[in-house]
Full PDB file with SEQRES, HELIX, SHEET, SSBOND, CRYST1, ORIGX, SCALE, CONECT and MASTER records, all heavy atoms in Angstrom:
SEQRES   1 A   44  SER GLY GLY SER THR ASP TYR ALA ASP SER VAL GLN GLY          
SEQRES   2 A   44  ARG CYS THR ILE ASN ARG ASP ASN ALA LYS ASN THR VAL          
SEQRES   3 A   44  TYR LEU GLU MET ASN SER LEU LYS PRO GLU ASP THR ALA          
SEQRES   4 A   44  VAL TYR TYR CYS ASN                                          
HELIX    1 AA1 ASN A   21  LYS A   23  5                                   3    
HELIX    2 AA2 PRO A   35  ASP A   37  5                                   3    
SHEET    1 AA1 2 CYS A  15  ASP A  20  0                                        
SHEET    2 AA1 2 THR A  25  MET A  30 -1                                        
CRYST1    1.000    1.000    1.000  90.00  90.00  90.00 P 1           1          
ORIGX1      1.000000  0.000000  0.000000        0.00000                         
ORIGX2      0.000000  1.000000  0.000000        0.00000                         
ORIGX3      0.000000  0.000000  1.000000        0.00000                         
SCALE1      1.000000  0.000000  0.000000        0.00000                         
SCALE2      0.000000  1.000000  0.000000        0.00000                         
SCALE3      0.000000  0.000000  1.000000        0.00000                         
ATOM      1  N   SER A   1      -0.964   7.388  -3.139  1.00  0.00           N  
ATOM      2  CA  SER A   1       0.466   7.284  -3.389  1.00  0.00           C  
ATOM      3  C   SER A   1       1.219   6.816  -2.155  1.00  0.00           C  
ATOM      4  O   SER A   1       2.295   6.225  -2.273  1.00  0.00           O  
ATOM      5  CB  SER A   1       1.021   8.631  -3.861  1.00  0.00           C  
ATOM      6  OG  SER A   1       0.825   9.636  -2.880  1.00  0.00           O  
ATOM      7  N   GLY A   2       0.656   7.072  -0.984  1.00  0.00           N  
ATOM      8  CA  GLY A   2       1.277   6.647   0.259  1.00  0.00           C  
ATOM      9  C   GLY A   2       0.939   5.234   0.675  1.00  0.00           C  
ATOM     10  O   GLY A   2       1.462   4.747   1.684  1.00  0.00           O  
ATOM     11  N   GLY A   3       0.057   4.572  -0.082  1.00  0.00           N  
ATOM     12  CA  GLY A   3      -0.270   3.194   0.203  1.00  0.00           C  
ATOM     13  C   GLY A   3      -1.541   2.970   0.994  1.00  0.00           C  
ATOM     14  O   GLY A   3      -1.877   1.822   1.309  1.00  0.00           O  
ATOM     15  N   SER A   4      -2.252   4.028   1.318  1.00  0.00           N  
ATOM     16  CA  SER A   4      -3.523   3.876   2.018  1.00  0.00           C  
ATOM     17  C   SER A   4      -4.561   3.278   1.076  1.00  0.00           C  
ATOM     18  O   SER A   4      -4.671   3.698  -0.076  1.00  0.00           O  
ATOM     19  CB  SER A   4      -4.001   5.226   2.547  1.00  0.00           C  
ATOM     20  OG  SER A   4      -5.245   5.105   3.201  1.00  0.00           O  
ATOM     21  N   THR A   5      -5.329   2.307   1.554  1.00  0.00           N  
ATOM     22  CA  THR A   5      -6.282   1.599   0.703  1.00  0.00           C  
ATOM     23  C   THR A   5      -7.701   1.701   1.226  1.00  0.00           C  
ATOM     24  O   THR A   5      -7.938   1.934   2.406  1.00  0.00           O  
ATOM     25  CB  THR A   5      -5.913   0.113   0.569  1.00  0.00           C  
ATOM     26  OG1 THR A   5      -5.884  -0.494   1.868  1.00  0.00           O  
ATOM     27  CG2 THR A   5      -4.547  -0.041  -0.089  1.00  0.00           C  
ATOM     28  N   ASP A   6      -8.635   1.493   0.308  1.00  0.00           N  
ATOM     29  CA  ASP A   6     -10.052   1.500   0.634  1.00  0.00           C  
ATOM     30  C   ASP A   6     -10.729   0.442  -0.225  1.00  0.00           C  
ATOM     31  O   ASP A   6     -10.477   0.372  -1.429  1.00  0.00           O  
ATOM     32  CB  ASP A   6     -10.659   2.880   0.369  1.00  0.00           C  
ATOM     33  CG  ASP A   6     -12.086   2.999   0.867  1.00  0.00           C  
ATOM     34  OD1 ASP A   6     -12.451   2.281   1.817  1.00  0.00           O  
ATOM     35  OD2 ASP A   6     -12.842   3.825   0.313  1.00  0.00           O  
ATOM     36  N   TYR A   7     -11.585  -0.380   0.385  1.00  0.00           N  
ATOM     37  CA  TYR A   7     -12.254  -1.459  -0.315  1.00  0.00           C  
ATOM     38  C   TYR A   7     -13.750  -1.391  -0.116  1.00  0.00           C  
ATOM     39  O   TYR A   7     -14.237  -0.997   0.946  1.00  0.00           O  
ATOM     40  CB  TYR A   7     -11.769  -2.823   0.168  1.00  0.00           C  
ATOM     41  CG  TYR A   7     -10.317  -3.118  -0.098  1.00  0.00           C  
ATOM     42  CD1 TYR A   7      -9.344  -2.858   0.860  1.00  0.00           C  
ATOM     43  CD2 TYR A   7      -9.913  -3.663  -1.311  1.00  0.00           C  
ATOM     44  CE1 TYR A   7      -8.007  -3.127   0.620  1.00  0.00           C  
ATOM     45  CE2 TYR A   7      -8.584  -3.937  -1.565  1.00  0.00           C  
ATOM     46  CZ  TYR A   7      -7.629  -3.673  -0.597  1.00  0.00           C  
ATOM     47  OH  TYR A   7      -6.304  -3.949  -0.841  1.00  0.00           O  
ATOM     48  N   ALA A   8     -14.479  -1.812  -1.131  1.00  0.00           N  
ATOM     49  CA  ALA A   8     -15.913  -1.961  -0.989  1.00  0.00           C  
ATOM     50  C   ALA A   8     -16.204  -3.138  -0.069  1.00  0.00           C  
ATOM     51  O   ALA A   8     -15.465  -4.133  -0.050  1.00  0.00           O  
ATOM     52  CB  ALA A   8     -16.569  -2.186  -2.348  1.00  0.00           C  
ATOM     53  N   ASP A   9     -17.286  -3.038   0.689  1.00  0.00           N  
ATOM     54  CA  ASP A   9     -17.645  -4.115   1.603  1.00  0.00           C  
ATOM     55  C   ASP A   9     -17.834  -5.442   0.874  1.00  0.00           C  
ATOM     56  O   ASP A   9     -17.515  -6.510   1.410  1.00  0.00           O  
ATOM     57  CB  ASP A   9     -18.929  -3.763   2.364  1.00  0.00           C  
ATOM     58  CG  ASP A   9     -18.726  -2.639   3.357  1.00  0.00           C  
ATOM     59  OD1 ASP A   9     -17.572  -2.364   3.733  1.00  0.00           O  
ATOM     60  OD2 ASP A   9     -19.739  -2.037   3.768  1.00  0.00           O  
ATOM     61  N   SER A  10     -18.336  -5.378  -0.347  1.00  0.00           N  
ATOM     62  CA  SER A  10     -18.644  -6.578  -1.095  1.00  0.00           C  
ATOM     63  C   SER A  10     -17.411  -7.365  -1.533  1.00  0.00           C  
ATOM     64  O   SER A  10     -17.526  -8.544  -1.868  1.00  0.00           O  
ATOM     65  CB  SER A  10     -19.487  -6.234  -2.327  1.00  0.00           C  
ATOM     66  OG  SER A  10     -18.798  -5.334  -3.169  1.00  0.00           O  
ATOM     67  N   VAL A  11     -16.245  -6.726  -1.538  1.00  0.00           N  
ATOM     68  CA  VAL A  11     -15.036  -7.408  -1.986  1.00  0.00           C  
ATOM     69  C   VAL A  11     -13.972  -7.501  -0.907  1.00  0.00           C  
ATOM     70  O   VAL A  11     -12.941  -8.160  -1.111  1.00  0.00           O  
ATOM     71  CB  VAL A  11     -14.421  -6.730  -3.229  1.00  0.00           C  
ATOM     72  CG1 VAL A  11     -15.431  -6.681  -4.363  1.00  0.00           C  
ATOM     73  CG2 VAL A  11     -13.910  -5.340  -2.888  1.00  0.00           C  
ATOM     74  N   GLN A  12     -14.206  -6.867   0.208  1.00  0.00           N  
ATOM     75  CA  GLN A  12     -13.221  -6.875   1.278  1.00  0.00           C  
ATOM     76  C   GLN A  12     -12.922  -8.306   1.715  1.00  0.00           C  
ATOM     77  O   GLN A  12     -13.826  -9.094   1.959  1.00  0.00           O  
ATOM     78  CB  GLN A  12     -13.709  -6.047   2.458  1.00  0.00           C  
ATOM     79  CG  GLN A  12     -12.613  -5.665   3.438  1.00  0.00           C  
ATOM     80  CD  GLN A  12     -13.044  -4.535   4.357  1.00  0.00           C  
ATOM     81  OE1 GLN A  12     -14.180  -4.524   4.828  1.00  0.00           O  
ATOM     82  NE2 GLN A  12     -12.161  -3.587   4.603  1.00  0.00           N  
ATOM     83  N   GLY A  13     -11.649  -8.629   1.789  1.00  0.00           N  
ATOM     84  CA  GLY A  13     -11.236  -9.977   2.118  1.00  0.00           C  
ATOM     85  C   GLY A  13     -11.012 -10.853   0.908  1.00  0.00           C  
ATOM     86  O   GLY A  13     -10.401 -11.922   1.020  1.00  0.00           O  
ATOM     87  N   ARG A  14     -11.498 -10.433  -0.244  1.00  0.00           N  
ATOM     88  CA  ARG A  14     -11.345 -11.196  -1.476  1.00  0.00           C  
ATOM     89  C   ARG A  14     -10.519 -10.441  -2.509  1.00  0.00           C  
ATOM     90  O   ARG A  14     -10.261 -10.989  -3.590  1.00  0.00           O  
ATOM     91  CB  ARG A  14     -12.704 -11.524  -2.090  1.00  0.00           C  
ATOM     92  CG  ARG A  14     -13.641 -12.293  -1.167  1.00  0.00           C  
ATOM     93  CD  ARG A  14     -14.899 -12.741  -1.904  1.00  0.00           C  
ATOM     94  NE  ARG A  14     -15.712 -11.613  -2.351  1.00  0.00           N  
ATOM     95  CZ  ARG A  14     -15.991 -11.335  -3.617  1.00  0.00           C  
ATOM     96  NH1 ARG A  14     -15.526 -12.114  -4.583  1.00  0.00           N  
ATOM     97  NH2 ARG A  14     -16.757 -10.297  -3.928  1.00  0.00           N  
ATOM     98  N   CYS A  15     -10.138  -9.238  -2.182  1.00  0.00           N  
ATOM     99  CA  CYS A  15      -9.519  -8.353  -3.154  1.00  0.00           C  
ATOM    100  C   CYS A  15      -8.329  -7.628  -2.540  1.00  0.00           C  
ATOM    101  O   CYS A  15      -8.359  -7.252  -1.370  1.00  0.00           O  
ATOM    102  CB  CYS A  15     -10.560  -7.354  -3.653  1.00  0.00           C  
ATOM    103  SG  CYS A  15      -9.960  -6.141  -4.819  1.00  0.00           S  
ATOM    104  N   THR A  16      -7.303  -7.434  -3.345  1.00  0.00           N  
ATOM    105  CA  THR A  16      -6.127  -6.693  -2.912  1.00  0.00           C  
ATOM    106  C   THR A  16      -5.703  -5.723  -4.007  1.00  0.00           C  
ATOM    107  O   THR A  16      -5.521  -6.122  -5.154  1.00  0.00           O  
ATOM    108  CB  THR A  16      -4.949  -7.625  -2.593  1.00  0.00           C  
ATOM    109  OG1 THR A  16      -5.316  -8.540  -1.561  1.00  0.00           O  
ATOM    110  CG2 THR A  16      -3.743  -6.811  -2.126  1.00  0.00           C  
ATOM    111  N   ILE A  17      -5.556  -4.455  -3.652  1.00  0.00           N  
ATOM    112  CA  ILE A  17      -5.078  -3.458  -4.589  1.00  0.00           C  
ATOM    113  C   ILE A  17      -3.666  -3.046  -4.200  1.00  0.00           C  
ATOM    114  O   ILE A  17      -3.346  -2.898  -3.021  1.00  0.00           O  
ATOM    115  CB  ILE A  17      -6.016  -2.229  -4.637  1.00  0.00           C  
ATOM    116  CG1 ILE A  17      -5.602  -1.281  -5.766  1.00  0.00           C  
ATOM    117  CG2 ILE A  17      -6.061  -1.501  -3.300  1.00  0.00           C  
ATOM    118  CD1 ILE A  17      -6.611  -0.176  -6.028  1.00  0.00           C  
ATOM    119  N   ASN A  18      -2.813  -2.891  -5.189  1.00  0.00           N  
ATOM    120  CA  ASN A  18      -1.466  -2.417  -4.941  1.00  0.00           C  
ATOM    121  C   ASN A  18      -0.994  -1.633  -6.157  1.00  0.00           C  
ATOM    122  O   ASN A  18      -1.609  -1.685  -7.219  1.00  0.00           O  
ATOM    123  CB  ASN A  18      -0.511  -3.573  -4.606  1.00  0.00           C  
ATOM    124  CG  ASN A  18      -0.470  -4.638  -5.685  1.00  0.00           C  
ATOM    125  OD1 ASN A  18       0.183  -4.471  -6.706  1.00  0.00           O  
ATOM    126  ND2 ASN A  18      -1.167  -5.744  -5.450  1.00  0.00           N  
ATOM    127  N   ARG A  19       0.093  -0.910  -5.990  1.00  0.00           N  
ATOM    128  CA  ARG A  19       0.583  -0.078  -7.087  1.00  0.00           C  
ATOM    129  C   ARG A  19       2.097  -0.042  -7.115  1.00  0.00           C  
ATOM    130  O   ARG A  19       2.766  -0.254  -6.102  1.00  0.00           O  
ATOM    131  CB  ARG A  19       0.021   1.342  -6.969  1.00  0.00           C  
ATOM    132  CG  ARG A  19       0.477   2.091  -5.719  1.00  0.00           C  
ATOM    133  CD  ARG A  19      -0.228   3.437  -5.583  1.00  0.00           C  
ATOM    134  NE  ARG A  19       0.148   4.373  -6.628  1.00  0.00           N  
ATOM    135  CZ  ARG A  19      -0.356   5.594  -6.758  1.00  0.00           C  
ATOM    136  NH1 ARG A  19      -1.295   6.019  -5.900  1.00  0.00           N  
ATOM    137  NH2 ARG A  19       0.048   6.388  -7.738  1.00  0.00           N  
ATOM    138  N   ASP A  20       2.602   0.238  -8.294  1.00  0.00           N  
ATOM    139  CA  ASP A  20       4.016   0.465  -8.507  1.00  0.00           C  
ATOM    140  C   ASP A  20       4.139   1.924  -8.916  1.00  0.00           C  
ATOM    141  O   ASP A  20       3.890   2.272 -10.068  1.00  0.00           O  
ATOM    142  CB  ASP A  20       4.562  -0.465  -9.591  1.00  0.00           C  
ATOM    143  CG  ASP A  20       6.061  -0.346  -9.753  1.00  0.00           C  
ATOM    144  OD1 ASP A  20       6.631   0.703  -9.425  1.00  0.00           O  
ATOM    145  OD2 ASP A  20       6.677  -1.327 -10.228  1.00  0.00           O  
ATOM    146  N   ASN A  21       4.493   2.769  -7.974  1.00  0.00           N  
ATOM    147  CA  ASN A  21       4.543   4.203  -8.237  1.00  0.00           C  
ATOM    148  C   ASN A  21       5.545   4.566  -9.333  1.00  0.00           C  
ATOM    149  O   ASN A  21       5.314   5.487 -10.112  1.00  0.00           O  
ATOM    150  CB  ASN A  21       4.887   4.963  -6.955  1.00  0.00           C  
ATOM    151  CG  ASN A  21       3.771   4.928  -5.930  1.00  0.00           C  
ATOM    152  OD1 ASN A  21       2.605   4.721  -6.267  1.00  0.00           O  
ATOM    153  ND2 ASN A  21       4.124   5.140  -4.671  1.00  0.00           N  
ATOM    154  N   ALA A  22       6.646   3.847  -9.383  1.00  0.00           N  
ATOM    155  CA  ALA A  22       7.664   4.130 -10.390  1.00  0.00           C  
ATOM    156  C   ALA A  22       7.152   3.868 -11.800  1.00  0.00           C  
ATOM    157  O   ALA A  22       7.594   4.510 -12.753  1.00  0.00           O  
ATOM    158  CB  ALA A  22       8.917   3.307 -10.125  1.00  0.00           C  
ATOM    159  N   LYS A  23       6.226   2.930 -11.932  1.00  0.00           N  
ATOM    160  CA  LYS A  23       5.678   2.575 -13.236  1.00  0.00           C  
ATOM    161  C   LYS A  23       4.295   3.161 -13.475  1.00  0.00           C  
ATOM    162  O   LYS A  23       3.692   2.911 -14.523  1.00  0.00           O  
ATOM    163  CB  LYS A  23       5.617   1.056 -13.390  1.00  0.00           C  
ATOM    164  CG  LYS A  23       6.970   0.370 -13.353  1.00  0.00           C  
ATOM    165  CD  LYS A  23       6.823  -1.131 -13.517  1.00  0.00           C  
ATOM    166  CE  LYS A  23       8.177  -1.817 -13.516  1.00  0.00           C  
ATOM    167  NZ  LYS A  23       8.049  -3.290 -13.669  1.00  0.00           N  
ATOM    168  N   ASN A  24       3.784   3.922 -12.510  1.00  0.00           N  
ATOM    169  CA  ASN A  24       2.439   4.489 -12.603  1.00  0.00           C  
ATOM    170  C   ASN A  24       1.408   3.418 -12.955  1.00  0.00           C  
ATOM    171  O   ASN A  24       0.539   3.621 -13.804  1.00  0.00           O  
ATOM    172  CB  ASN A  24       2.399   5.620 -13.634  1.00  0.00           C  
ATOM    173  CG  ASN A  24       3.116   6.865 -13.153  1.00  0.00           C  
ATOM    174  OD1 ASN A  24       3.207   7.128 -11.953  1.00  0.00           O  
ATOM    175  ND2 ASN A  24       3.625   7.654 -14.088  1.00  0.00           N  
ATOM    176  N   THR A  25       1.516   2.305 -12.280  1.00  0.00           N  
ATOM    177  CA  THR A  25       0.665   1.164 -12.551  1.00  0.00           C  
ATOM    178  C   THR A  25      -0.030   0.702 -11.278  1.00  0.00           C  
ATOM    179  O   THR A  25       0.579   0.669 -10.206  1.00  0.00           O  
ATOM    180  CB  THR A  25       1.479   0.002 -13.140  1.00  0.00           C  
ATOM    181  OG1 THR A  25       2.085   0.417 -14.364  1.00  0.00           O  
ATOM    182  CG2 THR A  25       0.591  -1.200 -13.421  1.00  0.00           C  
ATOM    183  N   VAL A  26      -1.299   0.353 -11.407  1.00  0.00           N  
ATOM    184  CA  VAL A  26      -2.070  -0.168 -10.295  1.00  0.00           C  
ATOM    185  C   VAL A  26      -2.576  -1.556 -10.659  1.00  0.00           C  
ATOM    186  O   VAL A  26      -2.898  -1.830 -11.818  1.00  0.00           O  
ATOM    187  CB  VAL A  26      -3.240   0.770  -9.928  1.00  0.00           C  
ATOM    188  CG1 VAL A  26      -4.259   0.860 -11.060  1.00  0.00           C  
ATOM    189  CG2 VAL A  26      -3.915   0.311  -8.637  1.00  0.00           C  
ATOM    190  N   TYR A  27      -2.642  -2.432  -9.660  1.00  0.00           N  
ATOM    191  CA  TYR A  27      -3.077  -3.803  -9.861  1.00  0.00           C  
ATOM    192  C   TYR A  27      -4.247  -4.113  -8.937  1.00  0.00           C  
ATOM    193  O   TYR A  27      -4.326  -3.609  -7.822  1.00  0.00           O  
ATOM    194  CB  TYR A  27      -1.948  -4.790  -9.571  1.00  0.00           C  
ATOM    195  CG  TYR A  27      -0.683  -4.513 -10.332  1.00  0.00           C  
ATOM    196  CD1 TYR A  27       0.329  -3.739  -9.769  1.00  0.00           C  
ATOM    197  CD2 TYR A  27      -0.485  -5.018 -11.615  1.00  0.00           C  
ATOM    198  CE1 TYR A  27       1.494  -3.473 -10.462  1.00  0.00           C  
ATOM    199  CE2 TYR A  27       0.679  -4.762 -12.310  1.00  0.00           C  
ATOM    200  CZ  TYR A  27       1.669  -3.988 -11.741  1.00  0.00           C  
ATOM    201  OH  TYR A  27       2.829  -3.731 -12.426  1.00  0.00           O  
ATOM    202  N   LEU A  28      -5.125  -4.957  -9.402  1.00  0.00           N  
ATOM    203  CA  LEU A  28      -6.231  -5.440  -8.592  1.00  0.00           C  
ATOM    204  C   LEU A  28      -6.247  -6.957  -8.663  1.00  0.00           C  
ATOM    205  O   LEU A  28      -6.513  -7.523  -9.723  1.00  0.00           O  
ATOM    206  CB  LEU A  28      -7.569  -4.875  -9.070  1.00  0.00           C  
ATOM    207  CG  LEU A  28      -8.795  -5.283  -8.243  1.00  0.00           C  
ATOM    208  CD1 LEU A  28      -8.724  -4.647  -6.858  1.00  0.00           C  
ATOM    209  CD2 LEU A  28     -10.082  -4.887  -8.950  1.00  0.00           C  
ATOM    210  N   GLU A  29      -5.953  -7.591  -7.554  1.00  0.00           N  
ATOM    211  CA  GLU A  29      -5.994  -9.043  -7.467  1.00  0.00           C  
ATOM    212  C   GLU A  29      -7.294  -9.461  -6.800  1.00  0.00           C  
ATOM    213  O   GLU A  29      -7.585  -9.043  -5.687  1.00  0.00           O  
ATOM    214  CB  GLU A  29      -4.789  -9.560  -6.679  1.00  0.00           C  
ATOM    215  CG  GLU A  29      -3.459  -9.259  -7.341  1.00  0.00           C  
ATOM    216  CD  GLU A  29      -2.274  -9.771  -6.549  1.00  0.00           C  
ATOM    217  OE1 GLU A  29      -2.464 -10.220  -5.397  1.00  0.00           O  
ATOM    218  OE2 GLU A  29      -1.144  -9.726  -7.069  1.00  0.00           O  
ATOM    219  N   MET A  30      -8.050 -10.277  -7.495  1.00  0.00           N  
ATOM    220  CA  MET A  30      -9.340 -10.732  -6.998  1.00  0.00           C  
ATOM    221  C   MET A  30      -9.342 -12.249  -6.911  1.00  0.00           C  
ATOM    222  O   MET A  30      -8.894 -12.934  -7.828  1.00  0.00           O  
ATOM    223  CB  MET A  30     -10.469 -10.257  -7.913  1.00  0.00           C  
ATOM    224  CG  MET A  30     -10.561  -8.745  -8.058  1.00  0.00           C  
ATOM    225  SD  MET A  30     -11.961  -8.239  -9.102  1.00  0.00           S  
ATOM    226  CE  MET A  30     -11.371  -8.814 -10.701  1.00  0.00           C  
ATOM    227  N   ASN A  31      -9.851 -12.760  -5.831  1.00  0.00           N  
ATOM    228  CA  ASN A  31      -9.991 -14.194  -5.667  1.00  0.00           C  
ATOM    229  C   ASN A  31     -11.366 -14.523  -5.099  1.00  0.00           C  
ATOM    230  O   ASN A  31     -12.122 -13.631  -4.724  1.00  0.00           O  
ATOM    231  CB  ASN A  31      -8.874 -14.766  -4.786  1.00  0.00           C  
ATOM    232  CG  ASN A  31      -8.780 -14.098  -3.427  1.00  0.00           C  
ATOM    233  OD1 ASN A  31      -9.704 -14.160  -2.627  1.00  0.00           O  
ATOM    234  ND2 ASN A  31      -7.642 -13.469  -3.149  1.00  0.00           N  
ATOM    235  N   SER A  32     -11.664 -15.810  -5.048  1.00  0.00           N  
ATOM    236  CA  SER A  32     -12.980 -16.263  -4.602  1.00  0.00           C  
ATOM    237  C   SER A  32     -14.086 -15.508  -5.327  1.00  0.00           C  
ATOM    238  O   SER A  32     -15.065 -15.055  -4.721  1.00  0.00           O  
ATOM    239  CB  SER A  32     -13.125 -16.096  -3.084  1.00  0.00           C  
ATOM    240  OG  SER A  32     -12.141 -16.841  -2.395  1.00  0.00           O  
ATOM    241  N   LEU A  33     -13.934 -15.385  -6.620  1.00  0.00           N  
ATOM    242  CA  LEU A  33     -14.867 -14.594  -7.417  1.00  0.00           C  
ATOM    243  C   LEU A  33     -16.253 -15.219  -7.451  1.00  0.00           C  
ATOM    244  O   LEU A  33     -16.403 -16.445  -7.460  1.00  0.00           O  
ATOM    245  CB  LEU A  33     -14.332 -14.422  -8.831  1.00  0.00           C  
ATOM    246  CG  LEU A  33     -13.169 -13.431  -8.954  1.00  0.00           C  
ATOM    247  CD1 LEU A  33     -12.460 -13.589 -10.289  1.00  0.00           C  
ATOM    248  CD2 LEU A  33     -13.680 -12.002  -8.789  1.00  0.00           C  
ATOM    249  N   LYS A  34     -17.255 -14.349  -7.470  1.00  0.00           N  
ATOM    250  CA  LYS A  34     -18.650 -14.748  -7.484  1.00  0.00           C  
ATOM    251  C   LYS A  34     -19.322 -14.233  -8.753  1.00  0.00           C  
ATOM    252  O   LYS A  34     -18.860 -13.264  -9.347  1.00  0.00           O  
ATOM    253  CB  LYS A  34     -19.377 -14.172  -6.265  1.00  0.00           C  
ATOM    254  CG  LYS A  34     -18.721 -14.494  -4.932  1.00  0.00           C  
ATOM    255  CD  LYS A  34     -19.416 -13.751  -3.801  1.00  0.00           C  
ATOM    256  CE  LYS A  34     -18.761 -14.035  -2.471  1.00  0.00           C  
ATOM    257  NZ  LYS A  34     -19.421 -13.289  -1.367  1.00  0.00           N  
ATOM    258  N   PRO A  35     -20.413 -14.861  -9.175  1.00  0.00           N  
ATOM    259  CA  PRO A  35     -21.127 -14.363 -10.353  1.00  0.00           C  
ATOM    260  C   PRO A  35     -21.511 -12.894 -10.238  1.00  0.00           C  
ATOM    261  O   PRO A  35     -21.519 -12.179 -11.243  1.00  0.00           O  
ATOM    262  CB  PRO A  35     -22.366 -15.263 -10.419  1.00  0.00           C  
ATOM    263  CG  PRO A  35     -21.909 -16.544  -9.811  1.00  0.00           C  
ATOM    264  CD  PRO A  35     -20.982 -16.134  -8.692  1.00  0.00           C  
ATOM    265  N   GLU A  36     -21.819 -12.434  -9.042  1.00  0.00           N  
ATOM    266  CA  GLU A  36     -22.189 -11.043  -8.851  1.00  0.00           C  
ATOM    267  C   GLU A  36     -21.019 -10.074  -9.017  1.00  0.00           C  
ATOM    268  O   GLU A  36     -21.216  -8.858  -9.014  1.00  0.00           O  
ATOM    269  CB  GLU A  36     -22.850 -10.830  -7.477  1.00  0.00           C  
ATOM    270  CG  GLU A  36     -22.112 -11.494  -6.334  1.00  0.00           C  
ATOM    271  CD  GLU A  36     -22.684 -12.856  -5.980  1.00  0.00           C  
ATOM    272  OE1 GLU A  36     -22.897 -13.670  -6.900  1.00  0.00           O  
ATOM    273  OE2 GLU A  36     -22.932 -13.106  -4.781  1.00  0.00           O  
ATOM    274  N   ASP A  37     -19.813 -10.595  -9.165  1.00  0.00           N  
ATOM    275  CA  ASP A  37     -18.665  -9.756  -9.471  1.00  0.00           C  
ATOM    276  C   ASP A  37     -18.590  -9.417 -10.956  1.00  0.00           C  
ATOM    277  O   ASP A  37     -17.748  -8.614 -11.361  1.00  0.00           O  
ATOM    278  CB  ASP A  37     -17.363 -10.442  -9.050  1.00  0.00           C  
ATOM    279  CG  ASP A  37     -17.235 -10.581  -7.542  1.00  0.00           C  
ATOM    280  OD1 ASP A  37     -17.595  -9.630  -6.818  1.00  0.00           O  
ATOM    281  OD2 ASP A  37     -16.761 -11.639  -7.087  1.00  0.00           O  
ATOM    282  N   THR A  38     -19.433 -10.037 -11.755  1.00  0.00           N  
ATOM    283  CA  THR A  38     -19.446  -9.788 -13.189  1.00  0.00           C  
ATOM    284  C   THR A  38     -19.788  -8.330 -13.472  1.00  0.00           C  
ATOM    285  O   THR A  38     -20.820  -7.825 -13.031  1.00  0.00           O  
ATOM    286  CB  THR A  38     -20.455 -10.699 -13.894  1.00  0.00           C  
ATOM    287  OG1 THR A  38     -20.065 -12.066 -13.714  1.00  0.00           O  
ATOM    288  CG2 THR A  38     -20.519 -10.392 -15.382  1.00  0.00           C  
ATOM    289  N   ALA A  39     -18.922  -7.651 -14.208  1.00  0.00           N  
ATOM    290  CA  ALA A  39     -19.110  -6.240 -14.517  1.00  0.00           C  
ATOM    291  C   ALA A  39     -17.971  -5.768 -15.407  1.00  0.00           C  
ATOM    292  O   ALA A  39     -16.983  -6.478 -15.609  1.00  0.00           O  
ATOM    293  CB  ALA A  39     -19.153  -5.402 -13.231  1.00  0.00           C  
ATOM    294  N   VAL A  40     -18.121  -4.561 -15.922  1.00  0.00           N  
ATOM    295  CA  VAL A  40     -17.015  -3.887 -16.578  1.00  0.00           C  
ATOM    296  C   VAL A  40     -16.239  -3.143 -15.503  1.00  0.00           C  
ATOM    297  O   VAL A  40     -16.813  -2.358 -14.744  1.00  0.00           O  
ATOM    298  CB  VAL A  40     -17.495  -2.910 -17.663  1.00  0.00           C  
ATOM    299  CG1 VAL A  40     -16.305  -2.168 -18.275  1.00  0.00           C  
ATOM    300  CG2 VAL A  40     -18.265  -3.655 -18.743  1.00  0.00           C  
ATOM    301  N   TYR A  41     -14.962  -3.397 -15.441  1.00  0.00           N  
ATOM    302  CA  TYR A  41     -14.111  -2.778 -14.436  1.00  0.00           C  
ATOM    303  C   TYR A  41     -13.323  -1.636 -15.060  1.00  0.00           C  
ATOM    304  O   TYR A  41     -12.673  -1.801 -16.093  1.00  0.00           O  
ATOM    305  CB  TYR A  41     -13.161  -3.814 -13.832  1.00  0.00           C  
ATOM    306  CG  TYR A  41     -13.840  -4.747 -12.873  1.00  0.00           C  
ATOM    307  CD1 TYR A  41     -14.759  -5.692 -13.327  1.00  0.00           C  
ATOM    308  CD2 TYR A  41     -13.591  -4.685 -11.499  1.00  0.00           C  
ATOM    309  CE1 TYR A  41     -15.411  -6.539 -12.445  1.00  0.00           C  
ATOM    310  CE2 TYR A  41     -14.226  -5.533 -10.616  1.00  0.00           C  
ATOM    311  CZ  TYR A  41     -15.138  -6.457 -11.091  1.00  0.00           C  
ATOM    312  OH  TYR A  41     -15.776  -7.311 -10.204  1.00  0.00           O  
ATOM    313  N   TYR A  42     -13.388  -0.471 -14.425  1.00  0.00           N  
ATOM    314  CA  TYR A  42     -12.743   0.726 -14.922  1.00  0.00           C  
ATOM    315  C   TYR A  42     -11.638   1.182 -13.979  1.00  0.00           C  
ATOM    316  O   TYR A  42     -11.807   1.176 -12.760  1.00  0.00           O  
ATOM    317  CB  TYR A  42     -13.741   1.873 -15.073  1.00  0.00           C  
ATOM    318  CG  TYR A  42     -14.844   1.622 -16.067  1.00  0.00           C  
ATOM    319  CD1 TYR A  42     -16.043   1.048 -15.674  1.00  0.00           C  
ATOM    320  CD2 TYR A  42     -14.684   1.975 -17.407  1.00  0.00           C  
ATOM    321  CE1 TYR A  42     -17.058   0.826 -16.583  1.00  0.00           C  
ATOM    322  CE2 TYR A  42     -15.695   1.755 -18.317  1.00  0.00           C  
ATOM    323  CZ  TYR A  42     -16.885   1.181 -17.899  1.00  0.00           C  
ATOM    324  OH  TYR A  42     -17.888   0.970 -18.812  1.00  0.00           O  
ATOM    325  N   CYS A  43     -10.549   1.612 -14.558  1.00  0.00           N  
ATOM    326  CA  CYS A  43      -9.448   2.174 -13.801  1.00  0.00           C  
ATOM    327  C   CYS A  43      -9.572   3.694 -13.773  1.00  0.00           C  
ATOM    328  O   CYS A  43      -9.999   4.317 -14.748  1.00  0.00           O  
ATOM    329  CB  CYS A  43      -8.118   1.770 -14.436  1.00  0.00           C  
ATOM    330  SG  CYS A  43      -6.651   2.463 -13.636  1.00  0.00           S  
ATOM    331  N   ASN A  44      -9.205   4.290 -12.660  1.00  0.00           N  
ATOM    332  CA  ASN A  44      -9.216   5.745 -12.514  1.00  0.00           C  
ATOM    333  C   ASN A  44      -7.914   6.209 -11.887  1.00  0.00           C  
ATOM    334  O   ASN A  44      -7.356   5.535 -11.021  1.00  0.00           O  
ATOM    335  CB  ASN A  44     -10.400   6.182 -11.651  1.00  0.00           C  
ATOM    336  CG  ASN A  44     -10.364   7.663 -11.324  1.00  0.00           C  
ATOM    337  OD1 ASN A  44      -9.907   8.061 -10.250  1.00  0.00           O  
ATOM    338  ND2 ASN A  44     -10.835   8.484 -12.249  1.00  0.00           N  
TER     339      ASN A  44                                                      
MASTER        0    0    0    2    2    0    0    6  338    1    0    4          
END                                                                             
């Protein structure tokens, strides 16, 4: 909630997470995607 972030080594530099606390919404922006990024992505 304070904005501290943590990234997996495999996506660091290619991924940005941010949130809108007022809307209780989180976003994940991914770029330079690779075939190995293929997966089901779950929100928690």
